[in-house]
Protein backbone atom coordinates (compact mmCIF):
# COMPACT_ATOMS: atom_id res chain seq x y z
CA MET A 1 25.25 -38.26 54.38
CA SER A 2 23.29 -35.36 55.71
CA ASN A 3 19.87 -34.22 54.47
CA GLU A 4 21.73 -30.83 53.58
CA THR A 5 24.27 -32.76 51.46
CA THR A 6 21.66 -34.74 49.50
CA ALA A 7 19.67 -31.46 48.65
CA THR A 8 22.99 -29.72 47.32
CA THR A 9 23.64 -32.92 45.04
CA ALA A 10 19.71 -32.99 44.14
CA ARG A 11 19.90 -29.19 42.93
CA ARG A 12 22.92 -29.76 41.24
CA GLY A 13 21.63 -32.25 39.02
CA GLN A 14 18.59 -30.35 38.22
CA ALA A 15 18.70 -28.35 35.13
CA PRO A 16 18.81 -24.52 35.43
CA ARG A 17 15.81 -22.88 36.20
CA GLY A 18 15.05 -21.08 32.71
CA GLU A 19 15.49 -24.48 30.90
CA ARG A 20 13.32 -26.13 33.37
CA ILE A 21 10.80 -23.15 32.42
CA ALA A 22 11.46 -23.97 29.07
CA ASP A 23 10.78 -27.21 29.18
CA TRP A 24 7.20 -26.85 31.12
CA ALA A 25 6.05 -24.94 28.56
CA ASP A 26 7.24 -26.97 25.33
CA GLY A 27 5.42 -29.60 26.89
CA ARG A 28 2.24 -28.11 26.97
CA LEU A 29 2.59 -25.27 23.88
CA GLY A 30 5.01 -27.58 21.80
CA ILE A 31 7.19 -24.49 21.34
CA TYR A 32 10.60 -26.32 20.78
CA SER A 33 9.52 -28.41 18.06
CA LEU A 34 7.74 -25.50 16.30
CA ALA A 35 10.71 -23.24 16.65
CA LYS A 36 12.81 -25.87 15.55
CA ALA A 37 11.14 -26.18 12.14
CA ASN A 38 10.99 -22.62 11.38
CA MET A 39 13.58 -20.38 13.17
CA ARG A 40 15.97 -21.49 10.75
CA LYS A 41 13.36 -20.68 7.47
CA ILE A 42 15.32 -18.52 4.97
CA PHE A 43 14.24 -15.08 3.88
CA PRO A 44 15.87 -13.35 0.70
CA ASP A 45 17.74 -10.42 1.24
CA HIS A 46 16.53 -7.37 -1.02
CA TRP A 47 15.96 -3.71 -0.30
CA SER A 48 12.41 -3.29 -1.28
CA PHE A 49 11.49 -6.03 1.15
CA MET A 50 12.05 -3.26 3.84
CA LEU A 51 8.86 -1.84 2.58
CA GLY A 52 6.60 -4.27 4.08
CA GLU A 53 8.25 -3.96 7.28
CA VAL A 54 8.50 -0.15 7.80
CA ALA A 55 4.74 -0.43 7.40
CA LEU A 56 5.09 -3.28 10.05
CA TYR A 57 6.87 -1.16 12.38
CA SER A 58 4.92 1.98 11.94
CA PHE A 59 1.69 -0.02 13.09
CA ILE A 60 3.57 -1.17 16.10
CA ILE A 61 4.20 2.18 16.97
CA ILE A 62 0.85 3.37 16.21
CA ILE A 63 -0.12 0.60 18.64
CA LEU A 64 1.99 1.83 21.22
CA THR A 65 1.55 5.31 21.28
CA GLY A 66 -2.20 4.97 20.94
CA VAL A 67 -2.18 2.95 24.58
CA TYR A 68 -0.86 5.96 25.90
CA LEU A 69 -2.74 8.46 24.47
CA THR A 70 -5.75 6.31 25.46
CA LEU A 71 -4.91 7.08 29.10
CA PHE A 72 -5.69 10.82 28.87
CA PHE A 73 -8.14 11.20 26.05
CA HIS A 74 -11.32 11.71 26.98
CA PRO A 75 -14.09 11.04 24.01
CA SER A 76 -17.01 13.06 25.07
CA MET A 77 -18.70 15.78 23.58
CA ALA A 78 -20.14 17.35 26.59
CA GLU A 79 -19.69 21.16 26.63
CA VAL A 80 -16.80 22.60 28.89
CA THR A 81 -15.18 26.09 29.47
CA TYR A 82 -11.38 26.10 28.94
CA HIS A 83 -9.14 27.01 31.44
CA GLY A 84 -6.14 25.20 31.35
CA SER A 85 -2.30 25.97 30.67
CA TYR A 86 -2.95 27.17 26.77
CA VAL A 87 -3.59 30.79 27.74
CA PRO A 88 -5.10 32.12 24.30
CA MET A 89 -8.16 29.85 24.79
CA HIS A 90 -8.81 30.36 28.09
CA GLY A 91 -12.97 31.09 28.38
CA ILE A 92 -13.32 29.25 25.05
CA LYS A 93 -16.42 27.01 24.97
CA MET A 94 -15.21 23.16 23.44
CA THR A 95 -16.16 19.56 24.10
CA GLN A 96 -14.42 17.47 26.33
CA ALA A 97 -12.42 15.76 23.66
CA PHE A 98 -10.90 18.98 22.59
CA GLU A 99 -10.00 20.07 25.94
CA SER A 100 -8.28 16.67 26.61
CA THR A 101 -6.63 17.02 23.27
CA LEU A 102 -5.11 20.33 24.85
CA ASN A 103 -4.10 18.64 27.81
CA ILE A 104 -2.24 16.17 26.68
CA SER A 105 -0.54 18.64 24.27
CA PHE A 106 0.48 21.18 27.30
CA ASP A 107 -0.11 19.26 30.50
CA VAL A 108 1.00 15.35 29.97
CA ARG A 109 4.44 14.97 30.22
CA GLY A 110 5.72 14.09 26.29
CA GLY A 111 1.96 13.90 25.32
CA LEU A 112 2.54 16.52 22.42
CA LEU A 113 5.53 14.44 21.05
CA ILE A 114 3.35 11.16 21.43
CA ARG A 115 0.91 12.98 19.75
CA GLN A 116 3.04 13.88 16.75
CA ILE A 117 4.73 10.21 16.71
CA HIS A 118 1.27 8.52 16.27
CA HIS A 119 0.07 10.75 13.68
CA TRP A 120 3.25 10.84 11.60
CA ALA A 121 3.13 6.63 12.26
CA ALA A 122 0.05 6.76 11.03
CA LEU A 123 0.86 8.79 7.58
CA VAL A 124 4.06 6.08 7.19
CA PHE A 125 1.92 3.23 7.60
CA LEU A 126 -0.11 4.22 4.91
CA ALA A 127 2.60 5.30 2.53
CA ALA A 128 4.74 2.28 3.16
CA MET A 129 1.33 0.17 2.42
CA MET A 130 0.81 1.97 -0.57
CA VAL A 131 4.85 1.88 -1.97
CA HIS A 132 4.76 -1.65 -0.74
CA MET A 133 1.64 -2.67 -2.43
CA MET A 134 2.85 -1.36 -5.78
CA ARG A 135 6.10 -3.38 -5.40
CA VAL A 136 4.18 -6.21 -5.14
CA PHE A 137 2.03 -5.17 -7.92
CA PHE A 138 4.83 -4.75 -10.27
CA THR A 139 6.78 -7.47 -9.78
CA GLY A 140 4.14 -9.83 -9.92
CA ALA A 141 4.29 -11.37 -6.17
CA PHE A 142 0.67 -11.61 -6.15
CA ARG A 143 -0.09 -14.62 -8.58
CA LYS A 144 -0.49 -18.03 -7.31
CA PRO A 145 -0.90 -18.71 -4.32
CA ARG A 146 -0.23 -15.38 -3.01
CA GLU A 147 -3.99 -13.94 -4.39
CA VAL A 148 -5.83 -14.45 -0.88
CA ASN A 149 -2.61 -12.38 0.44
CA TRP A 150 -3.05 -9.57 -1.74
CA LEU A 151 -6.34 -9.41 -0.42
CA PHE A 152 -5.48 -9.05 3.31
CA GLY A 153 -3.02 -6.39 2.46
CA PHE A 154 -5.48 -4.49 0.39
CA LEU A 155 -7.87 -4.50 3.76
CA LEU A 156 -5.18 -3.85 5.43
CA PHE A 157 -4.39 -0.63 3.80
CA VAL A 158 -8.33 0.25 3.39
CA LEU A 159 -9.10 -0.28 6.82
CA GLY A 160 -5.98 1.75 7.93
CA MET A 161 -7.56 4.75 5.76
CA PHE A 162 -10.64 4.58 7.82
CA THR A 163 -9.09 4.32 10.99
CA GLY A 164 -7.08 7.18 10.20
CA PHE A 165 -10.24 9.30 9.36
CA THR A 166 -11.21 8.06 12.69
CA GLY A 167 -8.58 8.99 14.59
CA TYR A 168 -7.85 12.49 13.08
CA SER A 169 -11.66 13.18 13.97
CA LEU A 170 -11.45 12.68 17.70
CA PRO A 171 -9.54 16.07 18.67
CA ASP A 172 -13.10 17.32 17.86
CA ASP A 173 -10.94 20.48 16.02
CA LEU A 174 -12.45 22.50 13.12
CA LEU A 175 -10.49 20.74 10.71
CA SER A 176 -11.60 17.34 11.74
CA GLY A 177 -15.19 18.72 12.20
CA THR A 178 -15.05 20.02 8.65
CA GLY A 179 -14.32 16.76 7.71
CA VAL A 180 -16.70 14.52 9.48
CA ARG A 181 -19.19 17.16 7.95
CA PHE A 182 -17.87 16.24 4.19
CA ILE A 183 -18.65 12.50 5.50
CA GLU A 184 -22.09 13.63 6.42
CA GLY A 185 -22.59 15.04 3.27
CA VAL A 186 -21.41 12.15 1.80
CA ILE A 187 -23.90 9.70 3.70
CA LEU A 188 -26.62 12.16 3.18
CA ALA A 189 -26.29 11.67 -0.93
CA MET A 190 -26.99 7.96 -0.97
CA PRO A 191 -30.70 7.78 -2.48
CA LEU A 192 -33.57 6.68 -0.15
CA VAL A 193 -31.09 5.14 2.64
CA GLY A 194 -29.43 8.53 3.37
CA SER A 195 -30.86 10.13 6.09
CA TYR A 196 -31.54 6.74 7.60
CA LEU A 197 -27.82 6.40 7.93
CA GLN A 198 -27.10 9.84 9.05
CA MET A 199 -29.59 9.50 12.08
CA PHE A 200 -28.19 6.34 12.84
CA ILE A 201 -24.79 7.17 12.66
CA PHE A 202 -24.77 10.66 14.34
CA GLY A 203 -27.61 9.56 16.78
CA GLY A 204 -29.72 12.17 15.58
CA GLU A 205 -29.27 15.89 13.82
CA PHE A 206 -25.45 16.99 12.94
CA PRO A 207 -23.05 17.17 15.18
CA GLY A 208 -24.83 15.35 17.63
CA HIS A 209 -23.57 14.31 20.74
CA ASP A 210 -22.58 10.94 19.89
CA ILE A 211 -20.17 10.77 16.81
CA ILE A 212 -16.93 11.12 19.18
CA PRO A 213 -17.77 8.60 21.75
CA ARG A 214 -18.50 6.45 18.60
CA PHE A 215 -15.49 7.20 16.51
CA PHE A 216 -13.02 6.42 19.77
CA THR A 217 -14.39 2.80 19.72
CA VAL A 218 -14.46 2.15 16.37
CA HIS A 219 -10.80 3.74 16.07
CA VAL A 220 -9.38 2.05 19.37
CA LEU A 221 -11.31 -1.13 19.50
CA LEU A 222 -12.95 -2.56 16.23
CA LEU A 223 -10.35 -1.85 13.25
CA PRO A 224 -7.33 -2.18 15.56
CA GLY A 225 -8.76 -5.58 16.33
CA ILE A 226 -9.70 -6.37 12.58
CA MET A 227 -6.18 -4.89 11.29
CA LEU A 228 -3.87 -7.17 13.88
CA GLY A 229 -5.85 -9.96 12.68
CA LEU A 230 -5.20 -9.39 9.36
CA LEU A 231 -1.95 -8.79 10.04
CA VAL A 232 -1.38 -11.92 11.60
CA ALA A 233 -3.12 -14.21 9.04
CA HIS A 234 -0.89 -11.79 6.34
CA LEU A 235 2.35 -12.64 7.98
CA ILE A 236 1.48 -16.62 8.52
CA LEU A 237 0.97 -16.84 4.82
CA VAL A 238 4.17 -15.08 3.75
CA PHE A 239 5.59 -17.65 6.50
CA TYR A 240 4.09 -20.73 4.88
CA HIS A 241 4.25 -19.78 1.23
CA LYS A 242 7.84 -18.73 1.54
CA HIS A 243 8.70 -15.43 0.63
CA THR A 244 9.03 -14.50 -3.26
CA GLN A 245 12.69 -13.32 -4.83
CA PHE A 246 14.02 -11.68 -7.63
CA PRO A 247 15.47 -13.58 -10.40
CA GLY A 248 19.02 -14.72 -9.98
CA ALA A 249 21.70 -17.33 -10.06
CA GLY A 250 20.46 -20.56 -8.48
CA LYS A 251 16.66 -18.66 -7.70
CA THR A 252 14.16 -21.18 -8.75
CA ASN A 253 10.48 -21.49 -7.85
CA ASN A 254 11.43 -24.41 -5.44
CA ASN A 255 13.93 -22.69 -3.20
CA VAL A 256 14.73 -19.74 -1.38
CA VAL A 257 18.33 -17.95 -1.45
CA GLY A 258 18.72 -15.97 1.42
CA MET A 259 19.50 -15.77 5.19
CA PRO A 260 18.38 -17.86 8.06
CA LEU A 261 15.65 -16.21 10.17
CA LEU A 262 17.20 -16.41 13.45
CA PRO A 263 19.74 -15.26 14.10
CA VAL A 264 20.55 -13.26 11.14
CA TYR A 265 17.18 -12.02 9.72
CA MET A 266 15.88 -11.23 13.56
CA ALA A 267 19.01 -9.16 14.19
CA LYS A 268 18.64 -6.99 11.21
CA ALA A 269 15.10 -6.90 11.63
CA GLY A 270 15.38 -5.85 15.41
CA GLY A 271 17.86 -2.78 14.24
CA PHE A 272 15.85 -1.89 11.39
CA PHE A 273 12.66 -1.25 14.00
CA PHE A 274 14.67 0.82 15.89
CA LEU A 275 15.89 2.78 13.07
CA VAL A 276 12.04 3.29 11.95
CA PHE A 277 11.13 4.23 15.29
CA GLY A 278 13.90 6.74 15.92
CA VAL A 279 13.45 8.52 12.45
CA ILE A 280 9.44 8.97 12.88
CA SER A 281 10.15 10.49 16.19
CA VAL A 282 12.67 12.77 14.55
CA ILE A 283 10.10 13.82 12.29
CA ALA A 284 7.70 13.94 14.96
CA ALA A 285 10.03 16.10 17.07
CA VAL A 286 10.64 19.05 14.34
CA ALA A 287 7.70 18.90 12.02
CA SER A 288 4.20 19.67 13.54
CA ILE A 289 1.19 18.20 12.57
CA ASN A 290 -2.39 18.87 13.55
CA PRO A 291 -1.64 21.92 15.71
CA VAL A 292 -5.36 21.70 17.05
CA TRP A 293 -4.50 24.59 19.13
CA ALA A 294 -4.16 27.18 16.19
CA ILE A 295 -7.04 25.73 14.56
CA GLY A 296 -9.78 26.06 17.30
CA PRO A 297 -12.95 23.79 18.52
CA TYR A 298 -15.46 22.55 15.82
CA ARG A 299 -18.40 24.71 15.28
CA PRO A 300 -20.94 24.06 12.82
CA ASP A 301 -21.12 27.17 11.30
CA GLN A 302 -17.49 27.77 10.49
CA VAL A 303 -15.11 25.95 7.98
CA SER A 304 -11.41 26.33 8.57
CA THR A 305 -8.86 27.61 6.12
CA GLY A 306 -7.46 25.57 3.28
CA ALA A 307 -9.52 22.42 5.11
CA GLN A 308 -7.14 19.52 3.95
CA PRO A 309 -7.79 15.62 4.79
CA ASP A 310 -4.64 13.41 4.99
CA TRP A 311 -3.03 12.49 1.60
CA TYR A 312 -4.59 8.91 1.93
CA MET A 313 -7.92 10.88 1.64
CA GLY A 314 -6.75 13.43 -1.12
CA PHE A 315 -8.35 10.93 -4.10
CA ALA A 316 -11.90 10.71 -2.81
CA GLU A 317 -11.45 14.47 -1.84
CA GLY A 318 -10.70 15.18 -5.13
CA LEU A 319 -13.34 13.23 -7.00
CA VAL A 320 -16.01 15.07 -5.18
CA ARG A 321 -14.16 18.49 -5.86
CA VAL A 322 -13.81 18.31 -9.58
CA MET A 323 -17.22 16.77 -9.96
CA PRO A 324 -19.88 19.06 -11.73
CA GLY A 325 -22.62 19.78 -9.08
CA TRP A 326 -25.28 18.02 -11.39
CA GLU A 327 -28.46 17.60 -9.52
CA TRP A 328 -31.87 15.36 -10.51
CA ASN A 329 -35.15 16.13 -9.07
CA PHE A 330 -37.60 13.12 -8.69
CA TRP A 331 -40.59 12.62 -7.16
CA GLY A 332 -39.94 15.75 -4.90
CA HIS A 333 -36.45 14.18 -4.00
CA THR A 334 -33.34 15.56 -4.88
CA ILE A 335 -30.65 13.05 -6.02
CA ASN A 336 -27.08 15.23 -5.97
CA PHE A 337 -24.72 13.53 -8.62
CA GLY A 338 -21.78 15.61 -7.87
CA VAL A 339 -21.38 13.53 -4.39
CA LEU A 340 -23.24 10.50 -5.71
CA ILE A 341 -21.19 9.47 -8.66
CA PRO A 342 -17.69 10.34 -6.85
CA ILE A 343 -18.67 7.67 -3.86
CA LEU A 344 -19.68 5.19 -6.25
CA VAL A 345 -16.28 5.67 -8.66
CA PHE A 346 -14.27 5.35 -5.36
CA PRO A 347 -15.13 2.24 -3.85
CA LEU A 348 -15.18 0.56 -7.87
CA VAL A 349 -11.48 1.57 -7.77
CA LEU A 350 -10.61 0.02 -4.95
CA VAL A 351 -12.89 -3.26 -5.97
CA ALA A 352 -10.83 -2.91 -8.89
CA ILE A 353 -7.62 -3.27 -7.11
CA ALA A 354 -8.74 -6.54 -4.91
CA VAL A 355 -9.56 -8.35 -8.08
CA TYR A 356 -6.66 -7.67 -9.96
CA PRO A 357 -4.90 -10.70 -9.50
CA PHE A 358 -7.95 -12.82 -10.16
CA ILE A 359 -8.42 -10.91 -13.46
CA GLU A 360 -4.96 -11.56 -14.59
CA SER A 361 -4.93 -15.48 -13.69
CA TRP A 362 -8.01 -15.75 -15.57
CA VAL A 363 -6.83 -13.79 -18.73
CA ARG A 364 -3.32 -15.70 -18.73
CA GLY A 365 -5.04 -18.71 -17.71
CA ASP A 366 -2.14 -19.68 -15.51
CA LYS A 367 -2.92 -22.20 -12.75
CA ARG A 368 0.73 -22.72 -11.70
CA GLU A 369 2.98 -21.35 -8.81
CA HIS A 370 5.20 -18.45 -9.07
CA HIS A 371 7.94 -17.77 -6.45
CA ILE A 372 10.25 -15.60 -8.60
CA LEU A 373 9.28 -12.07 -9.24
CA ASP A 374 8.49 -10.65 -12.69
CA ARG A 375 10.79 -7.50 -13.78
CA PRO A 376 8.47 -4.76 -14.32
CA ARG A 377 9.88 -4.30 -18.16
CA ASN A 378 8.81 -7.81 -18.67
CA VAL A 379 5.10 -7.44 -18.47
CA PRO A 380 4.75 -3.69 -20.36
CA THR A 381 0.70 -4.14 -19.79
CA ARG A 382 0.75 -4.74 -15.97
CA THR A 383 3.25 -1.76 -15.54
CA GLY A 384 1.09 0.37 -17.38
CA PHE A 385 -1.71 -0.10 -15.68
CA GLY A 386 -0.07 0.44 -12.14
CA VAL A 387 1.35 3.45 -13.32
CA ALA A 388 -1.85 4.50 -15.46
CA TRP A 389 -3.80 4.35 -11.86
CA LEU A 390 -1.03 6.01 -10.00
CA VAL A 391 -1.59 9.26 -12.08
CA ALA A 392 -5.07 9.20 -11.79
CA TYR A 393 -4.37 8.96 -7.92
CA PHE A 394 -2.06 12.27 -8.32
CA VAL A 395 -4.26 14.18 -10.32
CA MET A 396 -6.83 13.48 -7.97
CA LEU A 397 -4.52 14.42 -5.16
CA ILE A 398 -4.35 17.83 -6.79
CA GLY A 399 -7.80 18.26 -7.23
CA GLY A 400 -8.70 17.54 -3.72
CA GLY A 401 -6.13 20.54 -2.73
CA ASN A 402 -7.33 22.53 -5.71
CA ASP A 403 -7.95 25.82 -3.13
CA LEU A 404 -4.15 25.69 -1.99
CA TRP A 405 -2.38 25.21 -5.46
CA ALA A 406 -4.52 28.21 -6.35
CA THR A 407 -3.46 30.40 -3.65
CA HIS A 408 0.19 29.49 -3.29
CA PHE A 409 0.51 29.45 -7.32
CA HIS A 410 -1.93 32.27 -8.04
CA LEU A 411 -3.95 30.44 -10.37
CA SER A 412 -7.59 30.26 -10.86
CA ILE A 413 -9.21 27.84 -9.06
CA ASN A 414 -11.78 26.93 -11.92
CA SER A 415 -8.92 26.46 -14.01
CA ILE A 416 -7.30 23.86 -11.91
CA THR A 417 -10.62 22.15 -11.52
CA TRP A 418 -10.96 21.97 -15.29
CA PHE A 419 -7.51 20.50 -15.53
CA VAL A 420 -7.86 18.38 -13.23
CA ARG A 421 -11.31 16.98 -15.07
CA ILE A 422 -9.67 16.68 -18.09
CA ALA A 423 -6.23 15.19 -16.79
CA PHE A 424 -8.17 12.33 -14.94
CA PHE A 425 -9.39 11.03 -18.50
CA VAL A 426 -6.55 11.83 -20.69
CA GLY A 427 -3.82 11.64 -18.08
CA PRO A 428 -3.59 7.58 -17.14
CA VAL A 429 -4.28 7.13 -20.89
CA LEU A 430 -0.72 8.71 -21.77
CA ALA A 431 0.87 7.20 -18.69
CA PHE A 432 0.07 4.16 -19.83
CA ILE A 433 0.91 4.44 -23.60
CA ALA A 434 4.23 6.28 -22.27
CA THR A 435 4.87 3.41 -19.94
CA LYS A 436 4.36 0.76 -22.15
CA ARG A 437 6.83 2.05 -24.70
CA ILE A 438 9.64 2.48 -22.25
CA CYS A 439 9.02 -0.86 -21.32
CA LEU A 440 9.53 -2.36 -24.60
CA GLY A 441 12.38 -0.23 -25.40
CA LEU A 442 14.09 -1.58 -22.01
CA GLN A 443 13.39 -4.78 -23.30
CA ARG A 444 15.04 -4.15 -26.63
CA ARG A 445 17.85 -2.84 -24.62
CA ASP A 446 18.64 -6.25 -22.67
CA LYS A 447 18.36 -8.22 -25.88
CA ASP A 448 21.09 -5.93 -27.24
CA LYS A 449 23.11 -6.52 -24.15
CA VAL A 450 22.39 -10.49 -24.41
CA LEU A 451 23.78 -10.43 -27.94
CA HIS A 452 26.51 -7.81 -27.95
CA GLY A 453 27.64 -7.14 -24.38
CA ARG A 454 27.79 -4.22 -22.26
CA GLU A 455 29.28 -0.71 -23.62
CA SER A 456 32.18 -0.20 -22.19
CA GLY A 457 33.40 3.19 -23.23
CA ILE A 458 36.22 2.20 -24.70
CA ILE A 459 37.00 3.04 -28.34
CA LYS A 460 38.90 1.46 -30.31
CA ARG A 461 39.89 1.83 -34.20
CA LEU A 462 40.50 -0.75 -36.62
CA PRO A 463 43.07 -1.51 -39.28
CA HIS A 464 40.61 -0.36 -41.86
CA GLY A 465 40.16 3.02 -40.16
CA GLU A 466 37.12 2.45 -38.42
CA PHE A 467 36.10 3.27 -34.91
CA ILE A 468 34.04 0.75 -32.65
CA GLU A 469 33.16 0.80 -29.16
CA VAL A 470 34.49 -2.29 -27.22
CA HIS A 471 31.53 -4.42 -25.47
CA GLU A 472 32.27 -6.54 -22.42
CA PRO A 473 30.39 -9.87 -22.50
CA LEU A 474 28.02 -10.39 -19.76
CA ASN A 475 28.70 -13.41 -17.13
CA GLN A 476 26.03 -16.19 -16.83
CA GLU A 477 24.60 -14.63 -13.82
CA GLN A 478 23.32 -11.36 -15.91
CA LEU A 479 22.47 -13.40 -18.82
CA HIS A 480 20.50 -15.57 -16.36
CA VAL A 481 18.86 -12.53 -15.06
CA LEU A 482 17.90 -11.07 -18.71
CA THR A 483 16.69 -14.29 -20.45
CA GLN A 484 15.18 -16.05 -17.56
CA HIS A 485 11.48 -14.23 -17.71
CA GLU A 486 8.99 -16.73 -19.64
CA GLN A 487 6.90 -15.12 -22.91
CA PRO A 488 3.31 -16.83 -22.78
CA GLU A 489 1.78 -16.98 -26.07
CA PRO A 490 -1.62 -14.73 -26.07
CA LEU A 491 -4.89 -17.67 -25.92
CA GLU A 492 -6.30 -17.82 -29.19
CA LEU A 493 -10.10 -19.28 -30.17
CA GLY A 494 -9.13 -21.41 -32.23
CA PRO A 495 -10.76 -22.12 -36.06
CA GLU A 496 -14.57 -20.50 -36.75
CA VAL A 497 -15.63 -23.75 -37.85
CA ASP A 498 -14.99 -27.47 -36.54
CA GLU A 499 -13.87 -30.61 -38.43
CA ASN A 500 -17.11 -30.96 -39.83
CA GLY A 501 -17.50 -27.76 -41.29
CA VAL A 502 -20.19 -26.43 -38.59
CA ARG A 503 -19.38 -23.23 -37.02
CA ARG A 504 -18.32 -22.90 -33.77
CA LYS A 505 -20.05 -20.73 -31.11
CA PHE A 506 -18.03 -18.75 -28.52
CA LYS A 507 -19.44 -17.66 -25.62
CA ARG A 508 -18.58 -13.73 -25.17
CA SER A 509 -16.53 -14.17 -21.83
CA GLN A 510 -14.20 -16.20 -24.24
CA LYS A 511 -13.96 -13.91 -26.36
CA LEU A 512 -13.42 -11.09 -24.25
CA ARG A 513 -10.77 -13.46 -22.63
CA ALA A 514 -9.02 -13.90 -26.06
CA LYS A 515 -9.09 -10.42 -26.62
CA LEU A 516 -7.45 -9.44 -23.43
CA SER A 517 -4.92 -12.10 -23.60
CA LYS A 518 -3.96 -10.54 -26.80
CA GLY A 519 -3.27 -7.11 -25.22
CA TYR A 520 -1.39 -8.46 -22.79
CA TYR A 521 0.75 -10.75 -24.74
CA GLY A 522 0.46 -10.07 -28.24
CA GLU A 523 3.02 -8.97 -30.62
CA ASP A 524 2.97 -5.45 -29.76
CA ASN A 525 3.73 -6.37 -25.90
CA VAL A 526 6.62 -8.06 -26.22
CA ILE A 527 10.11 -8.16 -27.79
CA PRO A 528 11.40 -11.86 -28.51
CA LYS A 529 14.27 -12.99 -26.80
CA PRO A 530 17.29 -13.75 -28.07
CA THR A 531 17.37 -17.56 -29.21
CA VAL A 532 20.54 -19.73 -28.25
CA GLU A 533 21.45 -19.96 -32.21
CA GLU A 534 21.41 -16.08 -32.40
CA TYR A 535 23.57 -16.05 -28.93
CA LYS A 536 25.98 -18.60 -30.57
CA GLU A 537 26.41 -16.83 -33.89
CA ILE A 538 27.02 -13.22 -32.33
CA THR A 539 29.65 -14.67 -29.84
CA SER A 540 31.19 -16.77 -32.29
CA GLY A 541 32.45 -13.71 -34.11
CA HIS A 542 29.77 -13.77 -36.84
CA GLY A 543 27.76 -10.63 -37.88
CA HIS A 544 29.69 -7.96 -35.38
CA HIS A 545 32.75 -6.36 -34.47
């Protein structure tokens, strides 16, 4: 046999090149065993779970478009005279940052569309994050073992807010410069350290020459790197803890009912990514956002008309706008409470959101793992808190745009400001009360459906002349969904004296926990589920038509 025949036979006996490469990689990285264990992992199917995917895909779009924009942007505050393609600004002095933004918009092929996609994707990312967190909150998906994952998601949202702020500040236009000036005022309002921080951050008197380069480094390197790490950790914990699921037939805390990751879920996820990318691209193509050429470069002696931050900063802006201008002169120093109090309230609100899962776990005293989601109506106190927070947020959004509300609706700006001040305290309380009553009403409706069935709309006349509506009994799956939830009893302190007649001493934390537990799970917060005896009595024909 010739050498050529031997070589041909040897090649025929070898595995294909792709398989050999895969074997080489698996021998060093263990990819096959990892994929075999996880690629068939089951994920439940529900439309609300796509909210997190929208946030994930928007983040990917931000990264892709941001890399493209970085190639053409010059983060410099050096002053130049513009002579580019946008004729109306010829001869105007501006920073290189603003000039490069104009060049991206008018001279780089596809630059304006990429800028628009980048900005819209950032808005969609934060909106999807907020709605996703609300879904997690209202359904109790943050309970053990997912408290840490709630913190990861919360930090992603907060870092996204600051990443967005540093991003829309980079063009150095009049609108973003006004926002940076606002932040400078917030920093200066901090007692003792404010002026030192201002000089450190801006590198001298405002606006200085360092703020845009520093924002650029933070925006493209520091914050995205941290967010990427948090995102990976968030997804790993979702994978490790397995996905939560809504109550239904065959669904328990010990299983997941849904589709395998490969090929079904990955195919749907891939298609959904391109759908999100397409929708954001269409929005970016037809709806202009941040047209810096119409605003002009930043000048410290000017403020753009109707200056508004992106929506996610509207809450902080509203707090500052509606706060009275209180000041206190102390030992030759002025403390501006009109700015100091809002910048203290804003982080306190954020901290309350971050630690809520731990507070509820402490109040309930429940250390079990939970993989079945709550129906919001069955936890009226938590649902009331969530709606109250949303009302407070949107009230402050109105406060953050009080000038636009006044000009568009021909109202007094003072009237709007006073409305926001009152509504910020009254609105959440009314929303909390109304939400709890609605949840209890829905619980009563569920109980009635379990006992009497679903209204069919068919009217029947009985032999003695009475008209009744025929009710159709629910199937077993519907009955399970309406009755599977737990109704925990509130924690009790116990008798005030022990068996020897000695008065027991309770810690303040124990008393507080008992009061909060009663507020969460007391008689006023739950409609008792129908018992098996009630159901059998009704369905056997006793006591109903």
